[in-house]
C-alpha atoms as a PDB file:
ATOM      1  CA  MET A   1      69.222  55.404  14.695  1.00  0.00           C
ATOM      2  CA  SER A   2      68.358  58.465  12.680  1.00  0.00           C
ATOM      3  CA  GLY A   3      68.503  55.940   9.901  1.00  0.00           C
ATOM      4  CA  THR A   4      65.907  53.315   9.228  1.00  0.00           C
ATOM      5  CA  PHE A   5      62.400  53.801   7.827  1.00  0.00           C
ATOM      6  CA  ASP A   6      61.264  50.182   7.503  1.00  0.00           C
ATOM      7  CA  GLY A   7      63.108  47.610   9.576  1.00  0.00           C
ATOM      8  CA  GLN A   8      61.798  44.777   7.415  1.00  0.00           C
ATOM      9  CA  ALA A   9      62.946  46.254   4.095  1.00  0.00           C
ATOM     10  CA  PRO A  10      66.440  45.688   2.714  1.00  0.00           C
ATOM     11  CA  PRO A  11      68.801  48.652   3.144  1.00  0.00           C
ATOM     12  CA  VAL A  12      68.953  49.047  -0.650  1.00  0.00           C
ATOM     13  CA  GLU A  13      66.742  47.757  -3.440  1.00  0.00           C
ATOM     14  CA  VAL A  14      67.376  48.850  -7.025  1.00  0.00           C
ATOM     15  CA  ARG A  15      64.703  48.110  -9.620  1.00  0.00           C
ATOM     16  CA  ASP A  16      65.203  48.440 -13.377  1.00  0.00           C
ATOM     17  CA  LEU A  17      67.748  51.228 -12.969  1.00  0.00           C
ATOM     18  CA  THR A  18      68.889  52.916 -16.174  1.00  0.00           C
ATOM     19  CA  VAL A  19      71.983  55.086 -15.748  1.00  0.00           C
ATOM     20  CA  ALA A  20      72.666  57.891 -18.229  1.00  0.00           C
ATOM     21  CA  TYR A  21      73.884  61.485 -18.410  1.00  0.00           C
ATOM     22  CA  GLY A  22      71.934  64.088 -20.348  1.00  0.00           C
ATOM     23  CA  GLU A  23      70.921  62.946 -23.812  1.00  0.00           C
ATOM     24  CA  ALA A  24      73.821  60.491 -24.153  1.00  0.00           C
ATOM     25  CA  PRO A  25      73.103  56.769 -24.632  1.00  0.00           C
ATOM     26  CA  PRO A  26      72.656  54.835 -21.373  1.00  0.00           C
ATOM     27  CA  ILE A  27      75.706  53.520 -19.565  1.00  0.00           C
ATOM     28  CA  LEU A  28      73.629  50.779 -17.912  1.00  0.00           C
ATOM     29  CA  GLU A  29      70.087  49.619 -18.590  1.00  0.00           C
ATOM     30  CA  LYS A  30      67.472  48.048 -16.311  1.00  0.00           C
ATOM     31  CA  ILE A  31      69.770  46.667 -13.622  1.00  0.00           C
ATOM     32  CA  ASN A  32      68.395  45.108 -10.426  1.00  0.00           C
ATOM     33  CA  PHE A  33      70.061  44.269  -7.121  1.00  0.00           C
ATOM     34  CA  ARG A  34      69.583  44.339  -3.354  1.00  0.00           C
ATOM     35  CA  ILE A  35      71.896  45.026  -0.450  1.00  0.00           C
ATOM     36  CA  ARG A  36      70.853  42.934   2.519  1.00  0.00           C
ATOM     37  CA  ALA A  37      71.015  43.918   6.176  1.00  0.00           C
ATOM     38  CA  GLY A  38      74.427  43.334   7.704  1.00  0.00           C
ATOM     39  CA  GLU A  39      76.254  42.317   4.516  1.00  0.00           C
ATOM     40  CA  ILE A  40      79.229  43.799   2.718  1.00  0.00           C
ATOM     41  CA  PHE A  41      78.079  44.156  -0.878  1.00  0.00           C
ATOM     42  CA  GLY A  42      80.409  44.883  -3.773  1.00  0.00           C
ATOM     43  CA  ILE A  43      79.590  46.921  -6.864  1.00  0.00           C
ATOM     44  CA  LEU A  44      82.346  45.807  -9.195  1.00  0.00           C
ATOM     45  CA  GLY A  45      83.427  46.369 -12.761  1.00  0.00           C
ATOM     46  CA  GLY A  46      86.243  47.467 -14.995  1.00  0.00           C
ATOM     47  CA  SER A  47      87.014  51.019 -16.044  1.00  0.00           C
ATOM     48  CA  GLY A  48      84.019  52.636 -17.701  1.00  0.00           C
ATOM     49  CA  SER A  49      81.580  49.961 -16.549  1.00  0.00           C
ATOM     50  CA  GLY A  50      79.435  52.473 -14.652  1.00  0.00           C
ATOM     51  CA  LYS A  51      79.992  51.398 -11.057  1.00  0.00           C
ATOM     52  CA  SER A  52      80.633  54.937  -9.782  1.00  0.00           C
ATOM     53  CA  SER A  53      77.641  56.174 -11.784  1.00  0.00           C
ATOM     54  CA  VAL A  54      75.455  53.566 -10.080  1.00  0.00           C
ATOM     55  CA  LEU A  55      76.654  54.879  -6.722  1.00  0.00           C
ATOM     56  CA  ARG A  56      75.755  58.469  -7.675  1.00  0.00           C
ATOM     57  CA  ASN A  57      72.234  57.337  -8.568  1.00  0.00           C
ATOM     58  CA  VAL A  58      71.806  55.291  -5.404  1.00  0.00           C
ATOM     59  CA  ILE A  59      72.988  58.018  -3.008  1.00  0.00           C
ATOM     60  CA  GLY A  60      70.864  60.701  -4.644  1.00  0.00           C
ATOM     61  CA  LEU A  61      73.498  62.776  -6.447  1.00  0.00           C
ATOM     62  CA  VAL A  62      72.160  62.035  -9.933  1.00  0.00           C
ATOM     63  CA  ARG A  63      68.567  61.245 -10.871  1.00  0.00           C
ATOM     64  CA  PRO A  64      68.243  57.967 -12.811  1.00  0.00           C
ATOM     65  CA  ARG A  65      66.952  58.147 -16.343  1.00  0.00           C
ATOM     66  CA  ALA A  66      64.566  55.337 -15.392  1.00  0.00           C
ATOM     67  CA  GLY A  67      63.973  52.890 -12.583  1.00  0.00           C
ATOM     68  CA  ARG A  68      63.628  53.173  -8.827  1.00  0.00           C
ATOM     69  CA  VAL A  69      65.932  53.160  -5.821  1.00  0.00           C
ATOM     70  CA  PHE A  70      64.587  52.178  -2.404  1.00  0.00           C
ATOM     71  CA  ILE A  71      66.460  52.964   0.812  1.00  0.00           C
ATOM     72  CA  PHE A  72      65.039  50.986   3.731  1.00  0.00           C
ATOM     73  CA  GLY A  73      61.786  50.652   1.815  1.00  0.00           C
ATOM     74  CA  GLN A  74      61.441  54.311   0.830  1.00  0.00           C
ATOM     75  CA  ASP A  75      61.611  55.405  -2.800  1.00  0.00           C
ATOM     76  CA  LEU A  76      64.576  57.766  -2.948  1.00  0.00           C
ATOM     77  CA  TRP A  77      63.221  59.762  -5.901  1.00  0.00           C
ATOM     78  CA  ALA A  78      59.495  59.561  -5.132  1.00  0.00           C
ATOM     79  CA  ASP A  79      59.038  63.078  -3.822  1.00  0.00           C
ATOM     80  CA  ASP A  80      60.620  66.470  -3.502  1.00  0.00           C
ATOM     81  CA  GLY A  81      64.012  67.446  -2.127  1.00  0.00           C
ATOM     82  CA  GLY A  82      62.834  67.207   1.463  1.00  0.00           C
ATOM     83  CA  HIS A  83      62.084  63.511   1.117  1.00  0.00           C
ATOM     84  CA  LEU A  84      65.399  62.960  -0.660  1.00  0.00           C
ATOM     85  CA  ASN A  85      67.279  64.624   2.192  1.00  0.00           C
ATOM     86  CA  ASP A  86      65.450  62.477   4.760  1.00  0.00           C
ATOM     87  CA  CYS A  87      66.488  59.350   2.871  1.00  0.00           C
ATOM     88  CA  ARG A  88      70.081  60.528   2.674  1.00  0.00           C
ATOM     89  CA  ARG A  89      70.251  60.691   6.456  1.00  0.00           C
ATOM     90  CA  CYS A  90      69.672  56.928   6.536  1.00  0.00           C
ATOM     91  CA  PHE A  91      73.123  56.237   5.143  1.00  0.00           C
ATOM     92  CA  GLY A  92      76.680  57.509   5.299  1.00  0.00           C
ATOM     93  CA  VAL A  93      79.176  57.863   2.456  1.00  0.00           C
ATOM     94  CA  MET A  94      82.955  57.687   2.356  1.00  0.00           C
ATOM     95  CA  TYR A  95      84.155  59.233  -0.897  1.00  0.00           C
ATOM     96  CA  GLN A  96      87.280  58.016  -2.666  1.00  0.00           C
ATOM     97  CA  ALA A  97      89.550  60.846  -1.569  1.00  0.00           C
ATOM     98  CA  GLY A  98      87.968  61.115   1.895  1.00  0.00           C
ATOM     99  CA  ALA A  99      86.461  64.559   1.158  1.00  0.00           C
ATOM    100  CA  LEU A 100      87.308  65.874   4.605  1.00  0.00           C
ATOM    101  CA  PHE A 101      87.096  69.629   5.157  1.00  0.00           C
ATOM    102  CA  GLY A 102      90.690  70.833   5.173  1.00  0.00           C
ATOM    103  CA  SER A 103      89.927  73.825   7.393  1.00  0.00           C
ATOM    104  CA  MET A 104      88.461  71.621  10.154  1.00  0.00           C
ATOM    105  CA  ASN A 105      90.208  69.216  12.483  1.00  0.00           C
ATOM    106  CA  LEU A 106      89.036  65.600  12.659  1.00  0.00           C
ATOM    107  CA  LEU A 107      86.738  66.200  15.618  1.00  0.00           C
ATOM    108  CA  GLU A 108      85.063  69.095  13.812  1.00  0.00           C
ATOM    109  CA  ASN A 109      84.726  67.055  10.611  1.00  0.00           C
ATOM    110  CA  VAL A 110      82.954  64.217  12.409  1.00  0.00           C
ATOM    111  CA  SER A 111      80.841  66.610  14.471  1.00  0.00           C
ATOM    112  CA  MET A 112      79.523  68.543  11.476  1.00  0.00           C
ATOM    113  CA  PRO A 113      76.644  66.189  10.471  1.00  0.00           C
ATOM    114  CA  MET A 114      75.420  66.131  14.070  1.00  0.00           C
ATOM    115  CA  ARG A 115      75.538  69.914  14.288  1.00  0.00           C
ATOM    116  CA  GLU A 116      73.646  70.245  11.019  1.00  0.00           C
ATOM    117  CA  PHE A 117      70.991  67.547  11.404  1.00  0.00           C
ATOM    118  CA  THR A 118      70.379  66.964  15.123  1.00  0.00           C
ATOM    119  CA  ASP A 119      69.424  69.006  18.176  1.00  0.00           C
ATOM    120  CA  MET A 120      72.110  67.401  20.341  1.00  0.00           C
ATOM    121  CA  SER A 121      73.963  69.625  22.775  1.00  0.00           C
ATOM    122  CA  ALA A 122      77.539  70.674  21.999  1.00  0.00           C
ATOM    123  CA  GLU A 123      78.792  68.429  24.805  1.00  0.00           C
ATOM    124  CA  ALA A 124      76.864  65.405  23.509  1.00  0.00           C
ATOM    125  CA  ILE A 125      78.112  66.029  19.974  1.00  0.00           C
ATOM    126  CA  GLU A 126      81.716  66.146  21.100  1.00  0.00           C
ATOM    127  CA  THR A 127      81.300  62.920  23.084  1.00  0.00           C
ATOM    128  CA  ALA A 128      79.680  61.164  20.126  1.00  0.00           C
ATOM    129  CA  ALA A 129      82.331  62.420  17.677  1.00  0.00           C
ATOM    130  CA  ARG A 130      85.114  61.155  19.938  1.00  0.00           C
ATOM    131  CA  LEU A 131      83.384  57.771  20.071  1.00  0.00           C
ATOM    132  CA  LYS A 132      83.149  57.594  16.266  1.00  0.00           C
ATOM    133  CA  LEU A 133      86.843  58.376  15.944  1.00  0.00           C
ATOM    134  CA  SER A 134      87.689  55.710  18.507  1.00  0.00           C
ATOM    135  CA  LEU A 135      85.668  53.166  16.507  1.00  0.00           C
ATOM    136  CA  VAL A 136      87.977  53.692  13.532  1.00  0.00           C
ATOM    137  CA  GLY A 137      91.192  53.687  15.563  1.00  0.00           C
ATOM    138  CA  LEU A 138      91.775  57.433  15.681  1.00  0.00           C
ATOM    139  CA  SER A 139      91.575  58.185  19.399  1.00  0.00           C
ATOM    140  CA  GLY A 140      94.172  60.833  20.159  1.00  0.00           C
ATOM    141  CA  TYR A 141      93.939  62.415  16.718  1.00  0.00           C
ATOM    142  CA  GLU A 142      90.863  64.548  17.367  1.00  0.00           C
ATOM    143  CA  TYR A 143      92.654  67.879  16.890  1.00  0.00           C
ATOM    144  CA  TYR A 144      94.778  66.912  13.907  1.00  0.00           C
ATOM    145  CA  MET A 145      94.062  68.643  10.619  1.00  0.00           C
ATOM    146  CA  PRO A 146      93.489  66.352   7.608  1.00  0.00           C
ATOM    147  CA  ALA A 147      96.718  67.523   5.935  1.00  0.00           C
ATOM    148  CA  ARG A 148      98.748  66.239   8.892  1.00  0.00           C
ATOM    149  CA  ILE A 149      97.614  62.619   8.683  1.00  0.00           C
ATOM    150  CA  SER A 150      98.186  59.841   6.169  1.00  0.00           C
ATOM    151  CA  GLY A 151      95.831  58.870   3.361  1.00  0.00           C
ATOM    152  CA  GLY A 152      94.740  55.759   5.216  1.00  0.00           C
ATOM    153  CA  MET A 153      93.957  57.788   8.336  1.00  0.00           C
ATOM    154  CA  GLN A 154      92.000  60.283   6.256  1.00  0.00           C
ATOM    155  CA  LYS A 155      89.838  57.444   4.972  1.00  0.00           C
ATOM    156  CA  ARG A 156      89.288  56.182   8.511  1.00  0.00           C
ATOM    157  CA  ALA A 157      88.255  59.692   9.562  1.00  0.00           C
ATOM    158  CA  ALA A 158      85.871  59.838   6.601  1.00  0.00           C
ATOM    159  CA  ILE A 159      84.294  56.566   7.750  1.00  0.00           C
ATOM    160  CA  ALA A 160      83.931  58.039  11.251  1.00  0.00           C
ATOM    161  CA  ARG A 161      82.089  61.004   9.723  1.00  0.00           C
ATOM    162  CA  ALA A 162      79.890  58.609   7.715  1.00  0.00           C
ATOM    163  CA  LEU A 163      78.944  57.004  11.042  1.00  0.00           C
ATOM    164  CA  ALA A 164      78.017  60.329  12.639  1.00  0.00           C
ATOM    165  CA  LEU A 165      74.230  59.973  12.370  1.00  0.00           C
ATOM    166  CA  ASP A 166      74.230  56.262  13.315  1.00  0.00           C
ATOM    167  CA  PRO A 167      73.052  54.973   9.931  1.00  0.00           C
ATOM    168  CA  GLY A 168      72.340  51.337   9.171  1.00  0.00           C
ATOM    169  CA  LEU A 169      74.078  51.604   5.809  1.00  0.00           C
ATOM    170  CA  ILE A 170      77.464  52.913   4.654  1.00  0.00           C
ATOM    171  CA  PHE A 171      78.645  53.397   1.076  1.00  0.00           C
ATOM    172  CA  LEU A 172      82.379  53.278   0.368  1.00  0.00           C
ATOM    173  CA  ASP A 173      83.757  54.613  -2.916  1.00  0.00           C
ATOM    174  CA  GLU A 174      87.057  52.890  -3.810  1.00  0.00           C
ATOM    175  CA  PRO A 175      88.184  52.591  -0.175  1.00  0.00           C
ATOM    176  CA  SER A 176      91.547  50.990  -1.017  1.00  0.00           C
ATOM    177  CA  ALA A 177      92.494  53.378  -3.824  1.00  0.00           C
ATOM    178  CA  GLY A 178      95.936  54.896  -3.315  1.00  0.00           C
ATOM    179  CA  LEU A 179      96.792  52.822  -0.244  1.00  0.00           C
ATOM    180  CA  ASP A 180      99.744  50.503   0.243  1.00  0.00           C
ATOM    181  CA  PRO A 181      98.930  46.799   0.846  1.00  0.00           C
ATOM    182  CA  ILE A 182      99.394  46.936   4.632  1.00  0.00           C
ATOM    183  CA  THR A 183      97.229  50.032   5.067  1.00  0.00           C
ATOM    184  CA  SER A 184      94.631  48.572   2.704  1.00  0.00           C
ATOM    185  CA  ALA A 185      94.501  45.336   4.713  1.00  0.00           C
ATOM    186  CA  GLY A 186      94.004  47.330   7.910  1.00  0.00           C
ATOM    187  CA  LEU A 187      91.122  49.245   6.350  1.00  0.00           C
ATOM    188  CA  ASP A 188      89.587  45.971   5.156  1.00  0.00           C
ATOM    189  CA  GLN A 189      89.705  44.639   8.706  1.00  0.00           C
ATOM    190  CA  LEU A 190      88.074  47.812  10.030  1.00  0.00           C
ATOM    191  CA  ILE A 191      85.195  47.449   7.562  1.00  0.00           C
ATOM    192  CA  LYS A 192      84.675  43.801   8.550  1.00  0.00           C
ATOM    193  CA  THR A 193      84.747  44.716  12.247  1.00  0.00           C
ATOM    194  CA  LEU A 194      82.209  47.534  11.852  1.00  0.00           C
ATOM    195  CA  ALA A 195      79.886  45.323   9.830  1.00  0.00           C
ATOM    196  CA  LYS A 196      80.043  42.590  12.467  1.00  0.00           C
ATOM    197  CA  ASN A 197      79.965  44.662  15.648  1.00  0.00           C
ATOM    198  CA  LEU A 198      77.496  47.353  14.558  1.00  0.00           C
ATOM    199  CA  GLY A 199      75.362  45.240  12.218  1.00  0.00           C
ATOM    200  CA  LEU A 200      75.946  47.695   9.381  1.00  0.00           C
ATOM    201  CA  ALA A 201      75.357  47.015   5.705  1.00  0.00           C
ATOM    202  CA  PHE A 202      78.100  48.254   3.392  1.00  0.00           C
ATOM    203  CA  GLY A 203      77.907  49.032  -0.316  1.00  0.00           C
ATOM    204  CA  VAL A 204      81.480  49.036  -1.642  1.00  0.00           C
ATOM    205  CA  VAL A 205      82.415  50.345  -5.082  1.00  0.00           C
ATOM    206  CA  THR A 206      85.807  48.926  -6.017  1.00  0.00           C
ATOM    207  CA  HIS A 207      87.905  47.009  -8.494  1.00  0.00           C
ATOM    208  CA  GLU A 208      90.594  45.987  -5.963  1.00  0.00           C
ATOM    209  CA  LEU A 209      90.442  42.190  -6.090  1.00  0.00           C
ATOM    210  CA  GLY A 210      92.419  41.695  -2.893  1.00  0.00           C
ATOM    211  CA  SER A 211      89.876  43.663  -0.871  1.00  0.00           C
ATOM    212  CA  VAL A 212      86.957  42.086  -2.719  1.00  0.00           C
ATOM    213  CA  MET A 213      88.065  38.569  -1.826  1.00  0.00           C
ATOM    214  CA  ASN A 214      88.843  39.605   1.744  1.00  0.00           C
ATOM    215  CA  ILE A 215      85.688  41.437   2.781  1.00  0.00           C
ATOM    216  CA  VAL A 216      82.851  41.218   0.240  1.00  0.00           C
ATOM    217  CA  ASP A 217      80.026  38.779   1.040  1.00  0.00           C
ATOM    218  CA  ARG A 218      78.189  39.196  -2.257  1.00  0.00           C
ATOM    219  CA  ALA A 219      78.737  41.296  -5.356  1.00  0.00           C
ATOM    220  CA  ILE A 220      77.486  42.314  -8.761  1.00  0.00           C
ATOM    221  CA  LEU A 221      79.856  42.627 -11.715  1.00  0.00           C
ATOM    222  CA  LEU A 222      78.990  45.278 -14.297  1.00  0.00           C
ATOM    223  CA  ASP A 223      79.894  44.893 -17.968  1.00  0.00           C
ATOM    224  CA  LYS A 224      79.955  47.947 -20.225  1.00  0.00           C
ATOM    225  CA  GLU A 225      79.520  45.798 -23.331  1.00  0.00           C
ATOM    226  CA  ILE A 226      76.124  44.445 -22.288  1.00  0.00           C
ATOM    227  CA  LYS A 227      75.305  47.598 -20.274  1.00  0.00           C
ATOM    228  CA  GLY A 228      74.234  45.502 -17.336  1.00  0.00           C
ATOM    229  CA  ILE A 229      75.070  42.975 -14.649  1.00  0.00           C
ATOM    230  CA  VAL A 230      77.014  40.032 -16.039  1.00  0.00           C
ATOM    231  CA  ALA A 231      77.366  38.127 -12.736  1.00  0.00           C
ATOM    232  CA  GLU A 232      76.109  38.215  -9.150  1.00  0.00           C
ATOM    233  CA  GLY A 233      77.055  36.197  -6.074  1.00  0.00           C
ATOM    234  CA  ASP A 234      79.874  35.339  -3.688  1.00  0.00           C
ATOM    235  CA  PRO A 235      83.049  36.628  -5.394  1.00  0.00           C
ATOM    236  CA  ARG A 236      84.996  33.522  -4.340  1.00  0.00           C
ATOM    237  CA  GLU A 237      82.445  31.371  -6.151  1.00  0.00           C
ATOM    238  CA  LEU A 238      82.461  33.679  -9.163  1.00  0.00           C
ATOM    239  CA  ALA A 239      86.248  33.338  -9.384  1.00  0.00           C
ATOM    240  CA  ARG A 240      85.846  29.597  -9.921  1.00  0.00           C
ATOM    241  CA  ARG A 241      83.579  30.031 -12.928  1.00  0.00           C
ATOM    242  CA  SER A 242      84.904  29.673 -16.451  1.00  0.00           C
ATOM    243  CA  GLU A 243      81.925  31.317 -18.164  1.00  0.00           C
ATOM    244  CA  PRO A 244      81.272  33.906 -19.308  1.00  0.00           C
ATOM    245  CA  PRO A 245      84.903  34.755 -20.152  1.00  0.00           C
ATOM    246  CA  TYR A 246      84.664  38.346 -18.873  1.00  0.00           C
ATOM    247  CA  VAL A 247      83.743  37.072 -15.393  1.00  0.00           C
ATOM    248  CA  ALA A 248      86.589  34.575 -15.386  1.00  0.00           C
ATOM    249  CA  ALA A 249      89.032  37.233 -16.590  1.00  0.00           C
ATOM    250  CA  PHE A 250      87.958  39.800 -13.996  1.00  0.00           C
ATOM    251  CA  PHE A 251      88.011  37.580 -10.921  1.00  0.00           C
ATOM    252  CA  ASN A 252      91.184  35.736 -11.901  1.00  0.00           C
ATOM    253  CA  ARG A 253      93.046  38.870 -13.062  1.00  0.00           C
ATOM    254  CA  GLN A 254      93.587  37.484 -16.533  1.00  0.00           C
ATOM    255  CA  SER A 255      93.483  38.914 -20.004  1.00  0.00           C
ATOM    256  CA  LEU A 256      90.211  38.299 -21.779  1.00  0.00           C
ATOM    257  CA  GLU A 257      92.056  36.257 -24.397  1.00  0.00           C
ATOM    258  CA  LYS A 258      93.456  33.930 -21.760  1.00  0.00           C
ATOM    259  CA  ALA A 259      90.055  33.510 -20.128  1.00  0.00           C
ATOM    260  CA  LYS A 260      88.645  32.556 -23.514  1.00  0.00           C
ATOM    261  CA  GLY A 261      91.369  29.954 -23.967  1.00  0.00           C
ATOM    262  CA  GLU A 262      92.962  31.813 -26.870  1.00  0.00           C
ATOM    263  CA  GLY A 263      96.731  31.687 -27.271  1.00  0.00           C
ATOM    264  CA  PRO A 264      99.230  29.495 -25.428  1.00  0.00           C
ATOM    265  CA  ALA A 265      98.884  28.970 -21.705  1.00  0.00           C
ATOM    266  CA  GLU A 266     101.875  28.932 -19.365  1.00  0.00           C
ATOM    267  CA  GLY A 267     104.280  26.180 -20.323  1.00  0.00           C
ATOM    268  CA  GLY A 268     103.436  26.539 -24.008  1.00  0.00           C
ATOM    269  CA  SER A 269     100.386  24.270 -24.155  1.00  0.00           C
ATOM    270  CA  LYS A 270      97.093  25.371 -25.670  1.00  0.00           C
ATOM    271  CA  ARG A 271      94.287  25.782 -23.127  1.00  0.00           C
ATOM    272  CA  ARG A 272      90.917  24.368 -23.744  1.00  0.00           C
ATOM    273  CA  PRO A 273      88.250  27.054 -24.219  1.00  0.00           C
ATOM    274  CA  GLY A 274      86.383  28.006 -21.071  1.00  0.00           C
ATOM    275  CA  ARG A 275      88.780  26.313 -18.678  1.00  0.00           C
ATOM    276  CA  ILE A 276      90.335  28.269 -15.823  1.00  0.00           C
ATOM    277  CA  GLU A 277      93.630  26.756 -14.676  1.00  0.00           C
END
């Protein structure tokens, strides 16, 4: 792989990360988490909780106000831009809208990172790009332009491009956003298959509970009120908790009032505080 620095280090380790923009008050303060090798890890939270901002810090788009980010054991922000670029080659990113180049066909889109960052021959690059597209179910679509394919196919092509440099880690930003349930389920299955067959770690930013429960092995839940992580663990286990109320509300798709036991439950009876029915 062009990817890994330290095979013994976790793909991602975040230490005391404080997320902020300019002189504004922090969005999140001193958060800590790890993404383990081979797992699908969720970065979850409601609107405004800072989950996309965490991703921007972790992939090197925005410098943290404080704290450290390690990618395969290397401090992402420890050195100059050259070191940062080396770290970035250890992972791939699929952005929410796919971010494919509209003037390039799918084969050219997937080939671009290899042309930019390797000394592979043109023939080898084409062979590798075709393989990446086949891994995401897009064999036969190599010469299609992004505008000619569906949103779900665009996201698959973006994952193929994220795989171009054979990283050990892939970040996905809202992969199910804008997709119908059937297409979303197919994308979920693709992510699970890639994680299993290629041994990849995935960091998934999302608030889609269906996908979370289907694919995520472990997750953190961000809370904008406390400016930090309010829960961490297997999302199926977190859904069975009754405390704190925000966690119960999020994972059970309830109003916060209902999770707190305030107001009548279904059937007109009063719920006991803290109980999830």
